[in-house]
Structure formats: structure tokens, C-alpha cells
Amino acid sequence: MLVAWAAHAEDQVGGIGAWVVVKNHALTIANVLPNTPASKAGLVPGFVVQKIDGIATADKREEDCVAMIHGTVGTTVKLELIDTAHSKTNTVELTRAEIKR
């Protein structure tokens, strides 16, 4: 399981506060930390991340997807999500933050 967060004040690498895993060949939200950009945007475990900044996640390694989600604190990342429980697709734009573990 890889974590889509970082907490390094020296280089100001940020994240969204969610853990992602590849499950059944799909990048899936495994856990969301409270009071993070991910939780504030309504992300929940089970959502499938179909695209990151317009780039399809299919057949990408977890490490590569996590690297795409990480970025400079204060910048944005756009995720296209599939809510499999409700058969809905939604796109959210999250502002990366310093995430405390």
C-alpha cells in the first residue's frame, strides 16, 4: 500500500491525505485522513482514481500514480474518480497540503 501524502517541510512536498492501492487492476482510494484535502473533497475508500491531471491510471504502477498526486504544497491536482457504489464519475480539483502523519 502506498500513501499519497508527504510531510517534508524542507522541500514543501505535499499531498492530498489519502492512501491509494491498486486493487483489481484499478487505482483505488484505500483510506482518507480526516481534515485533509481528500476528506474535505468527499473522497472515501473504494473510489477508483481513473485519471490524474487528465492522465489515465490504468496500467500505471502505484509508485508512479503516487508521484503524480504528490507535488508542491499549494498547487492543485485534478482527479477523475469513479464512485463504484453509486456508478457515478466525478472530477475534483484538490489543493495539495502538508500532511501530518
C-alpha atoms as a PDB file:
ATOM      1  CA  MET A   1       0.000   0.000   0.000  1.00  0.00           C
ATOM      2  CA  LEU A   2       1.367   3.391  -0.928  1.00  0.00           C
ATOM      3  CA  VAL A   3       0.463   6.635   0.694  1.00  0.00           C
ATOM      4  CA  ALA A   4      -0.468   9.681  -1.377  1.00  0.00           C
ATOM      5  CA  TRP A   5       0.946  12.159   1.079  1.00  0.00           C
ATOM      6  CA  ALA A   6       4.210  13.691   2.144  1.00  0.00           C
ATOM      7  CA  ALA A   7       5.191  15.771   5.123  1.00  0.00           C
ATOM      8  CA  HIS A   8       8.603  17.245   4.382  1.00  0.00           C
ATOM      9  CA  ALA A   9       8.643  20.917   5.282  1.00  0.00           C
ATOM     10  CA  GLU A  10      12.167  21.328   3.887  1.00  0.00           C
ATOM     11  CA  ASP A  11      11.128  20.784   0.282  1.00  0.00           C
ATOM     12  CA  GLN A  12       7.417  21.571   0.692  1.00  0.00           C
ATOM     13  CA  VAL A  13       6.237  18.383  -0.997  1.00  0.00           C
ATOM     14  CA  GLY A  14       2.556  17.977  -0.354  1.00  0.00           C
ATOM     15  CA  GLY A  15      -0.214  15.527  -0.855  1.00  0.00           C
ATOM     16  CA  ILE A  16      -3.943  15.077  -0.531  1.00  0.00           C
ATOM     17  CA  GLY A  17      -4.177  12.896   2.592  1.00  0.00           C
ATOM     18  CA  ALA A  18      -5.299   9.637   1.029  1.00  0.00           C
ATOM     19  CA  TRP A  19      -3.775   6.176   0.721  1.00  0.00           C
ATOM     20  CA  VAL A  20      -4.103   4.543  -2.681  1.00  0.00           C
ATOM     21  CA  VAL A  21      -3.623   0.937  -3.765  1.00  0.00           C
ATOM     22  CA  VAL A  22      -4.020  -0.994  -6.974  1.00  0.00           C
ATOM     23  CA  LYS A  23      -6.993  -3.284  -6.461  1.00  0.00           C
ATOM     24  CA  ASN A  24      -8.411  -5.399  -9.285  1.00  0.00           C
ATOM     25  CA  HIS A  25      -6.169  -3.507 -11.742  1.00  0.00           C
ATOM     26  CA  ALA A  26      -7.603  -0.134 -10.677  1.00  0.00           C
ATOM     27  CA  LEU A  27      -6.039   2.607  -8.562  1.00  0.00           C
ATOM     28  CA  THR A  28      -8.331   2.739  -5.544  1.00  0.00           C
ATOM     29  CA  ILE A  29      -8.629   5.006  -2.511  1.00  0.00           C
ATOM     30  CA  ALA A  30      -7.866   2.769   0.483  1.00  0.00           C
ATOM     31  CA  ASN A  31      -8.014   5.309   3.326  1.00  0.00           C
ATOM     32  CA  VAL A  32      -8.590   9.029   3.795  1.00  0.00           C
ATOM     33  CA  LEU A  33      -7.153  11.021   6.684  1.00  0.00           C
ATOM     34  CA  PRO A  34      -9.505  13.453   8.439  1.00  0.00           C
ATOM     35  CA  ASN A  35      -9.169  17.193   7.851  1.00  0.00           C
ATOM     36  CA  THR A  36      -7.141  16.814   4.663  1.00  0.00           C
ATOM     37  CA  PRO A  37      -7.833  17.958   1.107  1.00  0.00           C
ATOM     38  CA  ALA A  38      -9.078  14.448   0.275  1.00  0.00           C
ATOM     39  CA  SER A  39     -11.555  14.309   3.155  1.00  0.00           C
ATOM     40  CA  LYS A  40     -12.777  17.858   2.538  1.00  0.00           C
ATOM     41  CA  ALA A  41     -13.434  16.945  -1.116  1.00  0.00           C
ATOM     42  CA  GLY A  42     -15.536  13.954  -0.051  1.00  0.00           C
ATOM     43  CA  LEU A  43     -13.159  11.186  -1.128  1.00  0.00           C
ATOM     44  CA  VAL A  44     -13.883   7.872   0.568  1.00  0.00           C
ATOM     45  CA  PRO A  45     -12.342   4.405   0.486  1.00  0.00           C
ATOM     46  CA  GLY A  46     -13.446   2.473  -2.572  1.00  0.00           C
ATOM     47  CA  PHE A  47     -13.397   5.351  -5.043  1.00  0.00           C
ATOM     48  CA  VAL A  48     -11.413   4.439  -8.160  1.00  0.00           C
ATOM     49  CA  VAL A  49      -8.989   7.058  -9.451  1.00  0.00           C
ATOM     50  CA  GLN A  50      -9.455   6.856 -13.217  1.00  0.00           C
ATOM     51  CA  LYS A  51      -7.294   9.865 -14.172  1.00  0.00           C
ATOM     52  CA  ILE A  52      -4.774  12.165 -12.517  1.00  0.00           C
ATOM     53  CA  ASP A  53      -4.477  15.554 -14.230  1.00  0.00           C
ATOM     54  CA  GLY A  54      -6.071  14.037 -17.327  1.00  0.00           C
ATOM     55  CA  ILE A  55      -3.687  11.062 -17.481  1.00  0.00           C
ATOM     56  CA  ALA A  56      -5.268   7.610 -17.240  1.00  0.00           C
ATOM     57  CA  THR A  57      -4.103   5.497 -14.304  1.00  0.00           C
ATOM     58  CA  ALA A  58      -4.861   2.166 -15.991  1.00  0.00           C
ATOM     59  CA  ASP A  59      -1.745   0.003 -16.215  1.00  0.00           C
ATOM     60  CA  LYS A  60       0.352   2.502 -14.218  1.00  0.00           C
ATOM     61  CA  ARG A  61       2.348   1.437 -11.178  1.00  0.00           C
ATOM     62  CA  GLU A  62       1.204   2.615  -7.738  1.00  0.00           C
ATOM     63  CA  GLU A  63       4.501   4.437  -7.274  1.00  0.00           C
ATOM     64  CA  ASP A  64       4.016   6.404 -10.479  1.00  0.00           C
ATOM     65  CA  CYS A  65       0.463   7.389  -9.545  1.00  0.00           C
ATOM     66  CA  VAL A  66       1.518   8.494  -6.068  1.00  0.00           C
ATOM     67  CA  ALA A  67       4.286  10.599  -7.612  1.00  0.00           C
ATOM     68  CA  MET A  68       1.669  12.244  -9.851  1.00  0.00           C
ATOM     69  CA  ILE A  69      -0.515  13.053  -6.836  1.00  0.00           C
ATOM     70  CA  HIS A  70       2.369  14.490  -4.808  1.00  0.00           C
ATOM     71  CA  GLY A  71       3.523  17.998  -5.592  1.00  0.00           C
ATOM     72  CA  THR A  72       4.369  21.359  -4.197  1.00  0.00           C
ATOM     73  CA  VAL A  73       2.196  22.494  -1.288  1.00  0.00           C
ATOM     74  CA  GLY A  74      -0.438  24.936  -2.562  1.00  0.00           C
ATOM     75  CA  THR A  75      -0.569  23.562  -6.118  1.00  0.00           C
ATOM     76  CA  THR A  76      -3.547  21.625  -7.433  1.00  0.00           C
ATOM     77  CA  VAL A  77      -4.130  18.131  -8.730  1.00  0.00           C
ATOM     78  CA  LYS A  78      -7.247  17.053 -10.606  1.00  0.00           C
ATOM     79  CA  LEU A  79      -8.620  13.549 -10.034  1.00  0.00           C
ATOM     80  CA  GLU A  80     -11.288  11.839 -12.097  1.00  0.00           C
ATOM     81  CA  LEU A  81     -12.993   9.428  -9.724  1.00  0.00           C
ATOM     82  CA  ILE A  82     -15.464   6.617 -10.086  1.00  0.00           C
ATOM     83  CA  ASP A  83     -17.827   6.087  -7.168  1.00  0.00           C
ATOM     84  CA  THR A  84     -18.427   2.399  -7.793  1.00  0.00           C
ATOM     85  CA  ALA A  85     -21.115   2.177  -5.107  1.00  0.00           C
ATOM     86  CA  HIS A  86     -23.293   4.671  -6.999  1.00  0.00           C
ATOM     87  CA  SER A  87     -21.973   4.188 -10.559  1.00  0.00           C
ATOM     88  CA  LYS A  88     -21.013   7.869 -10.796  1.00  0.00           C
ATOM     89  CA  THR A  89     -17.961   9.591 -12.236  1.00  0.00           C
ATOM     90  CA  ASN A  90     -16.815  12.890 -10.773  1.00  0.00           C
ATOM     91  CA  THR A  91     -13.813  15.157 -11.229  1.00  0.00           C
ATOM     92  CA  VAL A  92     -12.398  17.014  -8.239  1.00  0.00           C
ATOM     93  CA  GLU A  93      -9.581  19.504  -8.002  1.00  0.00           C
ATOM     94  CA  LEU A  94      -7.614  19.343  -4.766  1.00  0.00           C
ATOM     95  CA  THR A  95      -5.027  21.755  -3.423  1.00  0.00           C
ATOM     96  CA  ARG A  96      -2.016  19.876  -2.094  1.00  0.00           C
ATOM     97  CA  ALA A  97      -1.216  20.452   1.567  1.00  0.00           C
ATOM     98  CA  GLU A  98       1.425  19.416   4.056  1.00  0.00           C
ATOM     99  CA  ILE A  99       0.056  16.235   5.561  1.00  0.00           C
ATOM    100  CA  LYS A 100       0.960  15.267   9.121  1.00  0.00           C
ATOM    101  CA  ARG A 101       1.182  11.534   9.699  1.00  0.00           C
END
